[in-house]
């Protein structure tokens, strides 16, 4: 999300929602190579877009 606008209350804010490509599998590969703690749970979060506290 991009939020644009001035600090003055007279200036309206503009909001833009954008999508940016993100290579999830490449990030998981790096995490595995570095031995990141809790990478298994983190990989599920990335692949499913579900926070670990809400996973079944």
PDB file of N, CA and C in Angstrom:
ATOM      1  N   UNK A   1       0.841  -1.158   0.000  1.00  0.00           N
ATOM      2  CA  UNK A   1       0.000   0.000   0.000  1.00  0.00           C
ATOM      3  C   UNK A   1       0.891   1.228   0.000  1.00  0.00           C
ATOM      4  N   UNK A   2       0.499   2.213  -0.775  1.00  0.00           N
ATOM      5  CA  UNK A   2       1.203   3.488  -0.812  1.00  0.00           C
ATOM      6  C   UNK A   2       0.244   4.552  -0.306  1.00  0.00           C
ATOM      7  N   UNK A   3       0.675   5.292   0.701  1.00  0.00           N
ATOM      8  CA  UNK A   3      -0.121   6.373   1.267  1.00  0.00           C
ATOM      9  C   UNK A   3       0.575   7.680   0.929  1.00  0.00           C
ATOM     10  N   UNK A   4      -0.129   8.572   0.250  1.00  0.00           N
ATOM     11  CA  UNK A   4       0.437   9.854  -0.142  1.00  0.00           C
ATOM     12  C   UNK A   4      -0.440  10.975   0.386  1.00  0.00           C
ATOM     13  N   UNK A   5       0.175  12.091   0.695  1.00  0.00           N
ATOM     14  CA  UNK A   5      -0.578  13.256   1.137  1.00  0.00           C
ATOM     15  C   UNK A   5       0.297  14.181   1.941  1.00  0.00           C
ATOM     16  N   UNK A   6      -0.244  15.322   2.249  1.00  0.00           N
ATOM     17  CA  UNK A   6       0.495  16.321   2.999  1.00  0.00           C
ATOM     18  C   UNK A   6       0.213  16.233   4.480  1.00  0.00           C
ATOM     19  N   UNK A   7       1.031  16.913   5.261  1.00  0.00           N
ATOM     20  CA  UNK A   7       0.873  16.907   6.713  1.00  0.00           C
ATOM     21  C   UNK A   7      -0.270  17.823   7.150  1.00  0.00           C
ATOM     22  N   UNK A   8      -0.665  18.726   6.296  1.00  0.00           N
ATOM     23  CA  UNK A   8      -1.744  19.648   6.633  1.00  0.00           C
ATOM     24  C   UNK A   8      -3.093  18.936   6.553  1.00  0.00           C
ATOM     25  N   UNK A   9      -4.005  19.321   7.419  1.00  0.00           N
ATOM     26  CA  UNK A   9      -5.335  18.699   7.389  1.00  0.00           C
ATOM     27  C   UNK A   9      -6.123  19.105   6.149  1.00  0.00           C
ATOM     28  N   UNK A  10      -5.653  20.138   5.431  1.00  0.00           N
ATOM     29  CA  UNK A  10      -6.315  20.573   4.196  1.00  0.00           C
ATOM     30  C   UNK A  10      -5.954  19.686   3.011  1.00  0.00           C
ATOM     31  N   UNK A  11      -4.863  18.947   3.120  1.00  0.00           N
ATOM     32  CA  UNK A  11      -4.418  18.094   2.020  1.00  0.00           C
ATOM     33  C   UNK A  11      -4.991  16.691   2.187  1.00  0.00           C
ATOM     34  N   UNK A  12      -5.771  16.226   1.222  1.00  0.00           N
ATOM     35  CA  UNK A  12      -6.324  14.873   1.333  1.00  0.00           C
ATOM     36  C   UNK A  12      -5.235  13.823   1.109  1.00  0.00           C
ATOM     37  N   UNK A  13      -5.435  12.677   1.721  1.00  0.00           N
ATOM     38  CA  UNK A  13      -4.512  11.568   1.524  1.00  0.00           C
ATOM     39  C   UNK A  13      -5.005  10.720   0.366  1.00  0.00           C
ATOM     40  N   UNK A  14      -4.061  10.155  -0.354  1.00  0.00           N
ATOM     41  CA  UNK A  14      -4.376   9.205  -1.411  1.00  0.00           C
ATOM     42  C   UNK A  14      -3.832   7.843  -1.020  1.00  0.00           C
ATOM     43  N   UNK A  15      -4.580   6.805  -1.337  1.00  0.00           N
ATOM     44  CA  UNK A  15      -4.171   5.435  -1.020  1.00  0.00           C
ATOM     45  C   UNK A  15      -4.161   4.626  -2.306  1.00  0.00           C
ATOM     46  N   UNK A  16      -3.060   3.901  -2.534  1.00  0.00           N
ATOM     47  CA  UNK A  16      -2.958   3.006  -3.685  1.00  0.00           C
ATOM     48  C   UNK A  16      -2.571   1.622  -3.181  1.00  0.00           C
ATOM     49  N   UNK A  17      -3.261   0.626  -3.664  1.00  0.00           N
ATOM     50  CA  UNK A  17      -2.896  -0.748  -3.357  1.00  0.00           C
ATOM     51  C   UNK A  17      -2.157  -1.304  -4.558  1.00  0.00           C
ATOM     52  N   UNK A  18      -0.999  -1.899  -4.304  1.00  0.00           N
ATOM     53  CA  UNK A  18      -0.194  -2.443  -5.391  1.00  0.00           C
ATOM     54  C   UNK A  18       0.148  -3.900  -5.086  1.00  0.00           C
ATOM     55  N   UNK A  19       0.489  -4.629  -6.123  1.00  0.00           N
ATOM     56  CA  UNK A  19       0.978  -5.996  -5.971  1.00  0.00           C
ATOM     57  C   UNK A  19       2.398  -6.015  -6.516  1.00  0.00           C
ATOM     58  N   UNK A  20       3.268  -6.637  -5.773  1.00  0.00           N
ATOM     59  CA  UNK A  20       4.669  -6.714  -6.166  1.00  0.00           C
ATOM     60  C   UNK A  20       5.062  -8.189  -6.217  1.00  0.00           C
ATOM     61  N   UNK A  21       5.681  -8.625  -7.315  1.00  0.00           N
ATOM     62  CA  UNK A  21       6.078 -10.039  -7.393  1.00  0.00           C
ATOM     63  C   UNK A  21       7.046 -10.406  -6.267  1.00  0.00           C
ATOM     64  N   UNK A  22       6.856 -11.591  -5.721  1.00  0.00           N
ATOM     65  CA  UNK A  22       7.675 -12.044  -4.596  1.00  0.00           C
ATOM     66  C   UNK A  22       7.889 -13.544  -4.761  1.00  0.00           C
ATOM     67  N   UNK A  23       9.123 -13.960  -4.887  1.00  0.00           N
ATOM     68  CA  UNK A  23       9.438 -15.368  -5.102  1.00  0.00           C
ATOM     69  C   UNK A  23       9.498 -16.087  -3.751  1.00  0.00           C
ATOM     70  N   UNK A  24       8.378 -16.646  -3.351  1.00  0.00           N
ATOM     71  CA  UNK A  24       8.250 -17.302  -2.054  1.00  0.00           C
ATOM     72  C   UNK A  24       9.199 -18.490  -1.936  1.00  0.00           C
ATOM     73  N   UNK A  25       9.256 -19.316  -2.953  1.00  0.00           N
ATOM     74  CA  UNK A  25      10.106 -20.512  -2.883  1.00  0.00           C
ATOM     75  C   UNK A  25      11.579 -20.147  -2.774  1.00  0.00           C
ATOM     76  N   UNK A  26      12.010 -19.082  -3.430  1.00  0.00           N
ATOM     77  CA  UNK A  26      13.405 -18.634  -3.309  1.00  0.00           C
ATOM     78  C   UNK A  26      13.699 -18.183  -1.882  1.00  0.00           C
ATOM     79  N   UNK A  27      12.762 -17.473  -1.252  1.00  0.00           N
ATOM     80  CA  UNK A  27      12.949 -17.038   0.129  1.00  0.00           C
ATOM     81  C   UNK A  27      13.018 -18.222   1.084  1.00  0.00           C
ATOM     82  N   UNK A  28      12.199 -19.226   0.849  1.00  0.00           N
ATOM     83  CA  UNK A  28      12.219 -20.420   1.696  1.00  0.00           C
ATOM     84  C   UNK A  28      13.539 -21.165   1.520  1.00  0.00           C
ATOM     85  N   UNK A  29      14.039 -21.233   0.293  1.00  0.00           N
ATOM     86  CA  UNK A  29      15.324 -21.879   0.028  1.00  0.00           C
ATOM     87  C   UNK A  29      16.457 -21.182   0.775  1.00  0.00           C
ATOM     88  N   UNK A  30      16.456 -19.859   0.772  1.00  0.00           N
ATOM     89  CA  UNK A  30      17.477 -19.095   1.502  1.00  0.00           C
ATOM     90  C   UNK A  30      17.360 -19.354   3.000  1.00  0.00           C
ATOM     91  N   UNK A  31      16.138 -19.355   3.517  1.00  0.00           N
ATOM     92  CA  UNK A  31      15.930 -19.600   4.952  1.00  0.00           C
ATOM     93  C   UNK A  31      16.446 -20.981   5.343  1.00  0.00           C
ATOM     94  N   UNK A  32      16.210 -21.970   4.494  1.00  0.00           N
ATOM     95  CA  UNK A  32      16.703 -23.321   4.772  1.00  0.00           C
ATOM     96  C   UNK A  32      18.228 -23.369   4.730  1.00  0.00           C
ATOM     97  N   UNK A  33      18.820 -22.697   3.748  1.00  0.00           N
ATOM     98  CA  UNK A  33      20.283 -22.687   3.628  1.00  0.00           C
ATOM     99  C   UNK A  33      20.943 -22.009   4.824  1.00  0.00           C
ATOM    100  N   UNK A  34      20.275 -20.996   5.389  1.00  0.00           N
ATOM    101  CA  UNK A  34      20.823 -20.271   6.538  1.00  0.00           C
ATOM    102  C   UNK A  34      20.474 -20.914   7.869  1.00  0.00           C
ATOM    103  N   UNK A  35      19.603 -21.933   7.841  1.00  0.00           N
ATOM    104  CA  UNK A  35      19.194 -22.583   9.087  1.00  0.00           C
ATOM    105  C   UNK A  35      18.317 -21.714   9.956  1.00  0.00           C
ATOM    106  N   UNK A  36      17.452 -20.925   9.339  1.00  0.00           N
ATOM    107  CA  UNK A  36      16.566 -20.021  10.083  1.00  0.00           C
ATOM    108  C   UNK A  36      15.706 -20.795  11.076  1.00  0.00           C
ATOM    109  N   UNK A  37      15.637 -20.338  12.321  1.00  0.00           N
ATOM    110  CA  UNK A  37      14.769 -21.000  13.305  1.00  0.00           C
ATOM    111  C   UNK A  37      13.299 -20.886  12.884  1.00  0.00           C
ATOM    112  N   UNK A  38      12.536 -21.898  13.166  1.00  0.00           N
ATOM    113  CA  UNK A  38      11.094 -21.938  12.879  1.00  0.00           C
ATOM    114  C   UNK A  38      10.783 -21.752  11.402  1.00  0.00           C
ATOM    115  N   UNK A  39      11.708 -22.134  10.535  1.00  0.00           N
ATOM    116  CA  UNK A  39      11.499 -21.942   9.102  1.00  0.00           C
ATOM    117  C   UNK A  39      10.365 -22.797   8.546  1.00  0.00           C
ATOM    118  N   UNK A  40      10.077 -23.931   9.166  1.00  0.00           N
ATOM    119  CA  UNK A  40       8.980 -24.772   8.687  1.00  0.00           C
ATOM    120  C   UNK A  40       7.636 -24.044   8.840  1.00  0.00           C
ATOM    121  N   UNK A  41       7.436 -23.450   9.988  1.00  0.00           N
ATOM    122  CA  UNK A  41       6.193 -22.711  10.233  1.00  0.00           C
ATOM    123  C   UNK A  41       6.143 -21.468   9.352  1.00  0.00           C
ATOM    124  N   UNK A  42       7.259 -20.794   9.215  1.00  0.00           N
ATOM    125  CA  UNK A  42       7.351 -19.592   8.396  1.00  0.00           C
ATOM    126  C   UNK A  42       7.055 -19.923   6.939  1.00  0.00           C
ATOM    127  N   UNK A  43       7.549 -21.065   6.460  1.00  0.00           N
ATOM    128  CA  UNK A  43       7.297 -21.479   5.075  1.00  0.00           C
ATOM    129  C   UNK A  43       5.799 -21.686   4.842  1.00  0.00           C
ATOM    130  N   UNK A  44       5.111 -22.264   5.806  1.00  0.00           N
ATOM    131  CA  UNK A  44       3.659 -22.443   5.682  1.00  0.00           C
ATOM    132  C   UNK A  44       2.975 -21.077   5.636  1.00  0.00           C
ATOM    133  N   UNK A  45       3.423 -20.150   6.464  1.00  0.00           N
ATOM    134  CA  UNK A  45       2.853 -18.797   6.448  1.00  0.00           C
ATOM    135  C   UNK A  45       3.007 -18.166   5.067  1.00  0.00           C
ATOM    136  N   UNK A  46       4.195 -18.269   4.497  1.00  0.00           N
ATOM    137  CA  UNK A  46       4.421 -17.675   3.183  1.00  0.00           C
ATOM    138  C   UNK A  46       3.588 -18.346   2.099  1.00  0.00           C
ATOM    139  N   UNK A  47       3.526 -19.653   2.134  1.00  0.00           N
ATOM    140  CA  UNK A  47       2.813 -20.391   1.071  1.00  0.00           C
ATOM    141  C   UNK A  47       1.299 -20.230   1.159  1.00  0.00           C
ATOM    142  N   UNK A  48       0.763 -20.048   2.348  1.00  0.00           N
ATOM    143  CA  UNK A  48      -0.695 -20.012   2.511  1.00  0.00           C
ATOM    144  C   UNK A  48      -1.233 -18.626   2.820  1.00  0.00           C
ATOM    145  N   UNK A  49      -0.355 -17.691   3.196  1.00  0.00           N
ATOM    146  CA  UNK A  49      -0.758 -16.335   3.619  1.00  0.00           C
ATOM    147  C   UNK A  49      -1.658 -16.414   4.862  1.00  0.00           C
ATOM    148  N   UNK A  50      -1.392 -17.381   5.722  1.00  0.00           N
ATOM    149  CA  UNK A  50      -2.139 -17.537   6.973  1.00  0.00           C
ATOM    150  C   UNK A  50      -1.134 -17.456   8.119  1.00  0.00           C
ATOM    151  N   UNK A  51      -1.340 -16.498   9.029  1.00  0.00           N
ATOM    152  CA  UNK A  51      -0.459 -16.325  10.186  1.00  0.00           C
ATOM    153  C   UNK A  51      -0.454 -17.590  11.030  1.00  0.00           C
ATOM    154  N   UNK A  52       0.708 -17.911  11.582  1.00  0.00           N
ATOM    155  CA  UNK A  52       0.873 -19.151  12.351  1.00  0.00           C
ATOM    156  C   UNK A  52      -0.129 -19.298  13.485  1.00  0.00           C
ATOM    157  N   UNK A  53      -0.560 -18.222  14.096  1.00  0.00           N
ATOM    158  CA  UNK A  53      -1.536 -18.285  15.167  1.00  0.00           C
ATOM    159  C   UNK A  53      -2.934 -18.636  14.680  1.00  0.00           C
ATOM    160  N   UNK A  54      -3.150 -18.559  13.382  1.00  0.00           N
ATOM    161  CA  UNK A  54      -4.466 -18.875  12.820  1.00  0.00           C
ATOM    162  C   UNK A  54      -4.454 -20.174  12.013  1.00  0.00           C
ATOM    163  N   UNK A  55      -3.297 -20.830  11.953  1.00  0.00           N
ATOM    164  CA  UNK A  55      -3.220 -22.091  11.230  1.00  0.00           C
ATOM    165  C   UNK A  55      -3.867 -23.204  12.054  1.00  0.00           C
ATOM    166  N   UNK A  56      -4.533 -24.126  11.362  1.00  0.00           N
ATOM    167  CA  UNK A  56      -5.257 -25.185  12.055  1.00  0.00           C
ATOM    168  C   UNK A  56      -4.449 -26.302  12.578  1.00  0.00           C
TER     169      UNK A  56
END
